Amino acid sequence: MSTQTQFLKISANTRISTIIRANPAAIEVIASINKHFEKLRNPILRKVLASRVTIADAARIGGTKVEVFFDKLKSLGFVSDRVGEGTKISAPSSQPAFPPLGITLDVRETLQAGQDPFKEIITAAEKLSKNQSMLIINTFEPVPLYAVLRKKGFTHYTDQTEENLVHTYFYRTDKPENNAISGPDFLNSFERLQQQYQHSLIEIDVRNLEMPQPMMNILEALFKLTPEQALFVYHCRIPQYLLQELTARGFAFAIAEPGPDEVRLLIYKIPDHELHNC
């Protein structure tokens, strides 16, 4: 007998993470819709992606209709309110008071060109004064940025008023957080780690993939990694968003740049005893 949700209303704008949080059985229901959604069974990918993807986004990715989601989720007690299936999305009910706008960055073209706007955003954030806010314009909610900028003393407010148009405001409120764990492995050089794991290296090449496929493929490969193995990644840039996820999930990494637009990552799980002693 399946566990049902008590008539939770959903729309095309409801995030997948909200649905899963209300009823974890939704993972298998959504995964059964399309092969693209089978990645939800991977807890690492699920945590990273589900919070930024709505039903409308998922339907677009899977080449299906939002009505398919509504019909499938009925069995769990979800009820469609049929709101938000057009381009207009209801605005949040309340907006916090934050400082006047100081910097605006539209990163849509940068991402569309396959480039990473991370450095540009961080550089702009560091120039922002206490009495200013920064607006990031994107096609999706920049979830990885939240943790990165929170450690620098920023909080955020996100407003999605149209499909594929997300405005995220960052502004300073607190002192920067201290990081307990350092992500890059400074004690072991790339060459030394490569030699250490030479018989247990798993290689993947993400150089020709469009964003966000490189990050998804790397996280999926890490989920399958055994404690004795390390992941060797061929990349064309340093994936700053990914590095923050690795640090948060207890992975260490080393980076080599053998040439222009050539990046090599070696990623491995930090042993539990080292993790607790950090």
Protein backbone atom coordinates (compact mmCIF):
# COMPACT_ATOMS: atom_id res chain seq x y z
CA MET A 1 0.00 0.00 0.00
CA SER A 2 1.50 3.31 -1.09
CA THR A 3 1.79 6.27 1.21
CA GLN A 4 -0.30 9.18 -0.02
CA THR A 5 0.25 12.89 0.35
CA GLN A 6 -2.61 14.78 1.94
CA PHE A 7 -3.83 16.62 -1.16
CA LEU A 8 -0.74 18.77 -1.73
CA LYS A 9 -1.45 21.13 -4.60
CA ILE A 10 1.21 21.25 -7.29
CA SER A 11 1.67 23.27 -10.47
CA ALA A 12 4.11 23.43 -13.35
CA ASN A 13 6.22 25.71 -11.17
CA THR A 14 6.50 23.34 -8.21
CA ARG A 15 10.08 22.23 -7.63
CA ILE A 16 10.89 18.53 -7.78
CA SER A 17 12.59 18.81 -4.37
CA THR A 18 9.33 20.08 -2.84
CA ILE A 19 7.46 17.07 -4.20
CA ILE A 20 10.08 14.58 -2.98
CA ARG A 21 10.21 16.23 0.43
CA ALA A 22 6.43 15.89 0.74
CA ASN A 23 6.51 12.25 -0.32
CA PRO A 24 9.79 10.39 -1.03
CA ALA A 25 7.83 7.79 -3.03
CA ALA A 26 7.67 10.44 -5.76
CA ILE A 27 11.29 9.59 -6.65
CA GLU A 28 10.30 6.28 -8.24
CA VAL A 29 7.12 7.70 -9.75
CA ILE A 30 9.00 10.49 -11.53
CA ALA A 31 11.88 8.18 -12.49
CA SER A 32 9.37 5.93 -14.25
CA ILE A 33 8.18 8.74 -16.54
CA ASN A 34 11.28 9.01 -18.66
CA LYS A 35 14.84 7.64 -18.74
CA HIS A 36 16.13 11.19 -18.20
CA PHE A 37 14.64 11.15 -14.71
CA GLU A 38 16.25 7.89 -13.59
CA LYS A 39 19.11 10.01 -12.26
CA LEU A 40 16.81 11.01 -9.37
CA ARG A 41 17.59 7.60 -7.87
CA ASN A 42 21.16 8.81 -7.36
CA PRO A 43 21.07 10.71 -4.02
CA ILE A 44 23.99 12.97 -4.96
CA LEU A 45 22.45 14.06 -8.24
CA ARG A 46 19.04 14.32 -6.61
CA LYS A 47 20.27 16.73 -3.95
CA VAL A 48 22.04 18.93 -6.48
CA LEU A 49 19.44 19.01 -9.24
CA ALA A 50 16.00 18.54 -7.66
CA SER A 51 16.15 21.84 -5.79
CA ARG A 52 16.64 23.84 -8.97
CA VAL A 53 14.27 22.01 -11.35
CA THR A 54 10.51 22.57 -11.56
CA ILE A 55 7.93 20.24 -13.12
CA ALA A 56 7.96 22.50 -16.19
CA ASP A 57 11.76 22.30 -16.39
CA ALA A 58 11.70 18.51 -16.03
CA ALA A 59 9.02 18.16 -18.68
CA ARG A 60 11.10 20.25 -21.07
CA ILE A 61 14.24 18.20 -20.35
CA GLY A 62 12.40 14.91 -20.84
CA GLY A 63 10.47 16.03 -23.91
CA THR A 64 7.12 15.35 -22.26
CA LYS A 65 4.16 17.35 -20.94
CA VAL A 66 3.52 18.66 -17.44
CA GLU A 67 0.18 16.83 -17.52
CA VAL A 68 2.09 13.53 -17.51
CA PHE A 69 3.63 14.51 -14.16
CA PHE A 70 0.26 15.52 -12.77
CA ASP A 71 -1.32 12.23 -13.81
CA LYS A 72 1.51 10.11 -12.41
CA LEU A 73 1.64 11.98 -9.10
CA LYS A 74 -2.12 11.62 -8.54
CA SER A 75 -1.50 8.12 -7.18
CA LEU A 76 0.45 9.68 -4.30
CA GLY A 77 -2.25 12.21 -3.47
CA PHE A 78 -0.83 15.22 -5.30
CA VAL A 79 -3.44 17.48 -6.88
CA SER A 80 -2.76 19.82 -9.79
CA ASP A 81 -4.11 23.34 -9.41
CA ARG A 82 -3.43 23.94 -13.11
CA VAL A 83 -1.69 27.24 -12.31
CA GLY A 84 1.52 28.36 -13.95
CA GLU A 85 1.38 26.26 -17.11
CA GLY A 86 1.91 29.37 -19.20
CA THR A 87 4.88 31.69 -19.14
CA LYS A 88 3.72 33.73 -16.18
CA ILE A 89 4.66 32.49 -12.74
CA SER A 90 3.15 33.86 -9.59
CA ALA A 91 5.54 36.08 -7.70
CA PRO A 92 6.57 35.37 -4.13
CA SER A 93 4.16 36.76 -1.57
CA SER A 94 6.76 38.81 0.27
CA GLN A 95 10.08 40.34 -0.60
CA PRO A 96 12.62 41.10 2.11
CA ALA A 97 14.11 44.54 2.41
CA PHE A 98 17.61 44.60 1.00
CA PRO A 99 20.09 47.35 -0.03
CA PRO A 100 19.80 49.24 -3.34
CA LEU A 101 21.09 47.49 -6.43
CA GLY A 102 24.81 48.02 -7.00
CA ILE A 103 25.78 45.35 -9.54
CA THR A 104 23.78 43.45 -12.16
CA LEU A 105 25.18 40.38 -13.94
CA ASP A 106 23.24 38.64 -16.71
CA VAL A 107 25.01 35.27 -17.07
CA ARG A 108 22.60 33.66 -19.55
CA GLU A 109 24.79 34.24 -22.61
CA THR A 110 27.88 33.09 -20.72
CA LEU A 111 26.24 29.79 -19.80
CA GLN A 112 24.80 29.37 -23.27
CA ALA A 113 28.33 29.70 -24.66
CA GLY A 114 29.40 26.83 -22.41
CA GLN A 115 31.47 29.04 -20.10
CA ASP A 116 31.44 29.22 -16.32
CA PRO A 117 30.49 32.64 -14.85
CA PHE A 118 31.67 31.66 -11.35
CA LYS A 119 34.83 33.82 -11.26
CA GLU A 120 32.97 36.83 -12.63
CA ILE A 121 30.27 36.49 -9.97
CA ILE A 122 32.72 36.02 -7.10
CA THR A 123 34.84 38.98 -8.25
CA ALA A 124 31.74 41.18 -8.41
CA ALA A 125 30.58 39.99 -4.98
CA GLU A 126 33.92 40.91 -3.43
CA LYS A 127 33.58 44.45 -4.77
CA LEU A 128 30.09 44.86 -3.36
CA SER A 129 29.76 47.25 -0.43
CA LYS A 130 27.65 46.61 2.68
CA ASN A 131 24.93 49.00 1.47
CA GLN A 132 24.58 47.44 -1.99
CA SER A 133 22.98 44.32 -3.44
CA MET A 134 23.94 42.27 -6.49
CA LEU A 135 21.46 40.87 -9.04
CA ILE A 136 22.26 37.66 -10.94
CA ILE A 137 20.01 37.01 -13.95
CA ASN A 138 19.87 33.35 -14.95
CA THR A 139 17.61 30.68 -16.49
CA PHE A 140 17.66 28.55 -13.33
CA GLU A 141 18.06 29.04 -9.61
CA PRO A 142 21.83 29.22 -8.85
CA VAL A 143 21.70 26.88 -5.85
CA PRO A 144 25.48 26.15 -5.68
CA LEU A 145 26.14 29.88 -5.29
CA TYR A 146 24.13 30.05 -2.07
CA ALA A 147 26.62 28.03 -0.03
CA VAL A 148 29.64 29.71 -1.64
CA LEU A 149 28.48 33.27 -0.98
CA ARG A 150 27.00 32.43 2.43
CA LYS A 151 30.54 31.60 3.55
CA LYS A 152 31.50 35.12 2.45
CA GLY A 153 28.75 36.69 4.54
CA PHE A 154 25.96 36.98 1.94
CA THR A 155 22.32 36.02 2.05
CA HIS A 156 20.00 35.85 -0.96
CA TYR A 157 16.50 36.35 -2.28
CA THR A 158 15.27 34.60 -5.45
CA ASP A 159 12.41 35.77 -7.63
CA GLN A 160 11.16 33.79 -10.64
CA THR A 161 8.50 35.80 -12.46
CA GLU A 162 8.72 34.12 -15.87
CA GLU A 163 9.63 30.71 -17.16
CA ASN A 164 13.42 30.44 -17.74
CA LEU A 165 14.00 33.79 -16.06
CA VAL A 166 15.32 33.84 -12.50
CA HIS A 167 16.46 36.94 -10.60
CA THR A 168 18.62 36.25 -7.55
CA TYR A 169 19.68 39.08 -5.25
CA PHE A 170 22.72 38.75 -2.97
CA TYR A 171 23.57 41.15 -0.17
CA ARG A 172 25.80 41.17 2.89
CA THR A 173 24.31 40.49 6.32
CA ASP A 174 26.77 38.40 8.33
CA LYS A 175 30.43 37.75 8.86
CA PRO A 176 31.97 35.13 6.56
CA GLU A 177 31.78 31.54 7.78
CA ASN A 178 34.93 29.58 8.53
CA ASN A 179 35.49 26.46 6.48
CA ALA A 180 36.35 23.41 8.56
CA ILE A 181 37.52 21.38 5.58
CA SER A 182 39.78 22.48 2.77
CA GLY A 183 38.78 20.98 -0.55
CA PRO A 184 41.96 20.89 -2.61
CA ASP A 185 44.62 18.43 -1.53
CA PHE A 186 47.63 20.64 -0.84
CA LEU A 187 49.60 17.91 0.90
CA ASN A 188 49.59 15.56 -2.07
CA SER A 189 50.62 16.75 -5.51
CA PHE A 190 48.60 15.75 -8.56
CA GLU A 191 51.41 13.48 -9.78
CA ARG A 192 51.78 11.79 -6.41
CA LEU A 193 48.05 11.09 -6.18
CA GLN A 194 47.99 9.83 -9.75
CA GLN A 195 50.74 7.38 -8.86
CA GLN A 196 48.98 6.37 -5.64
CA TYR A 197 45.76 5.49 -7.48
CA GLN A 198 47.35 4.31 -10.72
CA HIS A 199 45.74 0.85 -10.50
CA SER A 200 42.32 2.10 -9.37
CA LEU A 201 41.65 5.20 -11.47
CA ILE A 202 38.27 5.60 -13.13
CA GLU A 203 38.49 7.98 -16.11
CA ILE A 204 35.75 10.12 -17.63
CA ASP A 205 35.93 12.81 -20.31
CA VAL A 206 33.43 15.70 -20.08
CA ARG A 207 35.18 18.16 -22.38
CA ASN A 208 32.60 18.02 -25.16
CA LEU A 209 29.49 18.08 -22.95
CA GLU A 210 27.22 21.09 -22.56
CA MET A 211 26.48 22.50 -19.10
CA PRO A 212 25.25 21.19 -16.73
CA GLN A 213 26.07 17.70 -18.12
CA PRO A 214 29.75 17.73 -16.98
CA MET A 215 28.78 18.26 -13.34
CA MET A 216 25.99 15.67 -13.52
CA ASN A 217 28.25 13.03 -15.10
CA ILE A 218 31.02 13.63 -12.57
CA LEU A 219 28.66 13.40 -9.59
CA GLU A 220 27.11 10.24 -10.99
CA ALA A 221 30.57 8.68 -11.41
CA LEU A 222 31.52 9.66 -7.85
CA PHE A 223 28.40 7.96 -6.52
CA LYS A 224 29.66 4.66 -7.99
CA LEU A 225 33.20 5.14 -6.72
CA THR A 226 34.54 2.70 -4.10
CA PRO A 227 36.73 3.98 -1.21
CA GLU A 228 39.79 2.47 -2.91
CA GLN A 229 39.18 4.25 -6.22
CA ALA A 230 39.74 7.77 -7.50
CA LEU A 231 38.09 9.60 -10.38
CA PHE A 232 40.28 11.08 -13.13
CA VAL A 233 38.38 13.77 -15.07
CA TYR A 234 39.32 15.33 -18.41
CA HIS A 235 37.82 18.82 -18.40
CA CYS A 236 38.28 22.05 -20.35
CA ARG A 237 37.86 24.38 -17.36
CA ILE A 238 38.04 24.37 -13.56
CA PRO A 239 34.44 23.61 -12.48
CA GLN A 240 34.05 25.98 -9.54
CA TYR A 241 30.45 24.97 -8.74
CA LEU A 242 31.48 21.33 -8.62
CA LEU A 243 34.43 21.99 -6.29
CA GLN A 244 32.08 23.44 -3.67
CA GLU A 245 29.90 20.31 -3.89
CA LEU A 246 32.95 18.07 -3.51
CA THR A 247 34.08 19.89 -0.39
CA ALA A 248 30.61 19.68 1.14
CA ARG A 249 30.41 15.94 0.45
CA GLY A 250 33.76 14.95 1.92
CA PHE A 251 35.80 14.59 -1.27
CA ALA A 252 39.32 15.87 -1.81
CA PHE A 253 40.72 16.81 -5.19
CA ALA A 254 43.87 17.85 -7.01
CA ILE A 255 43.99 19.92 -10.19
CA ALA A 256 46.45 20.01 -13.07
CA GLU A 257 46.38 22.34 -16.07
CA PRO A 258 48.67 20.83 -18.74
CA GLY A 259 47.76 23.46 -21.33
CA PRO A 260 45.27 26.13 -22.45
CA ASP A 261 41.68 24.93 -21.98
CA GLU A 262 43.01 21.68 -20.56
CA VAL A 263 42.15 20.72 -16.99
CA ARG A 264 42.64 17.42 -15.19
CA LEU A 265 40.87 16.63 -11.92
CA LEU A 266 41.72 13.78 -9.60
CA ILE A 267 38.95 13.28 -7.03
CA TYR A 268 38.81 10.83 -4.14
CA LYS A 269 36.87 10.29 -0.94
CA ILE A 270 38.46 11.63 2.25
CA PRO A 271 38.86 8.72 4.71
CA ASP A 272 36.49 9.02 7.69
CA HIS A 273 39.28 9.32 10.25
CA GLU A 274 40.85 12.21 8.32
CA LEU A 275 37.48 13.88 7.86
CA HIS A 276 36.75 13.85 11.60
CA ASN A 277 40.20 15.19 12.43
CA CYS A 278 39.90 18.19 10.08
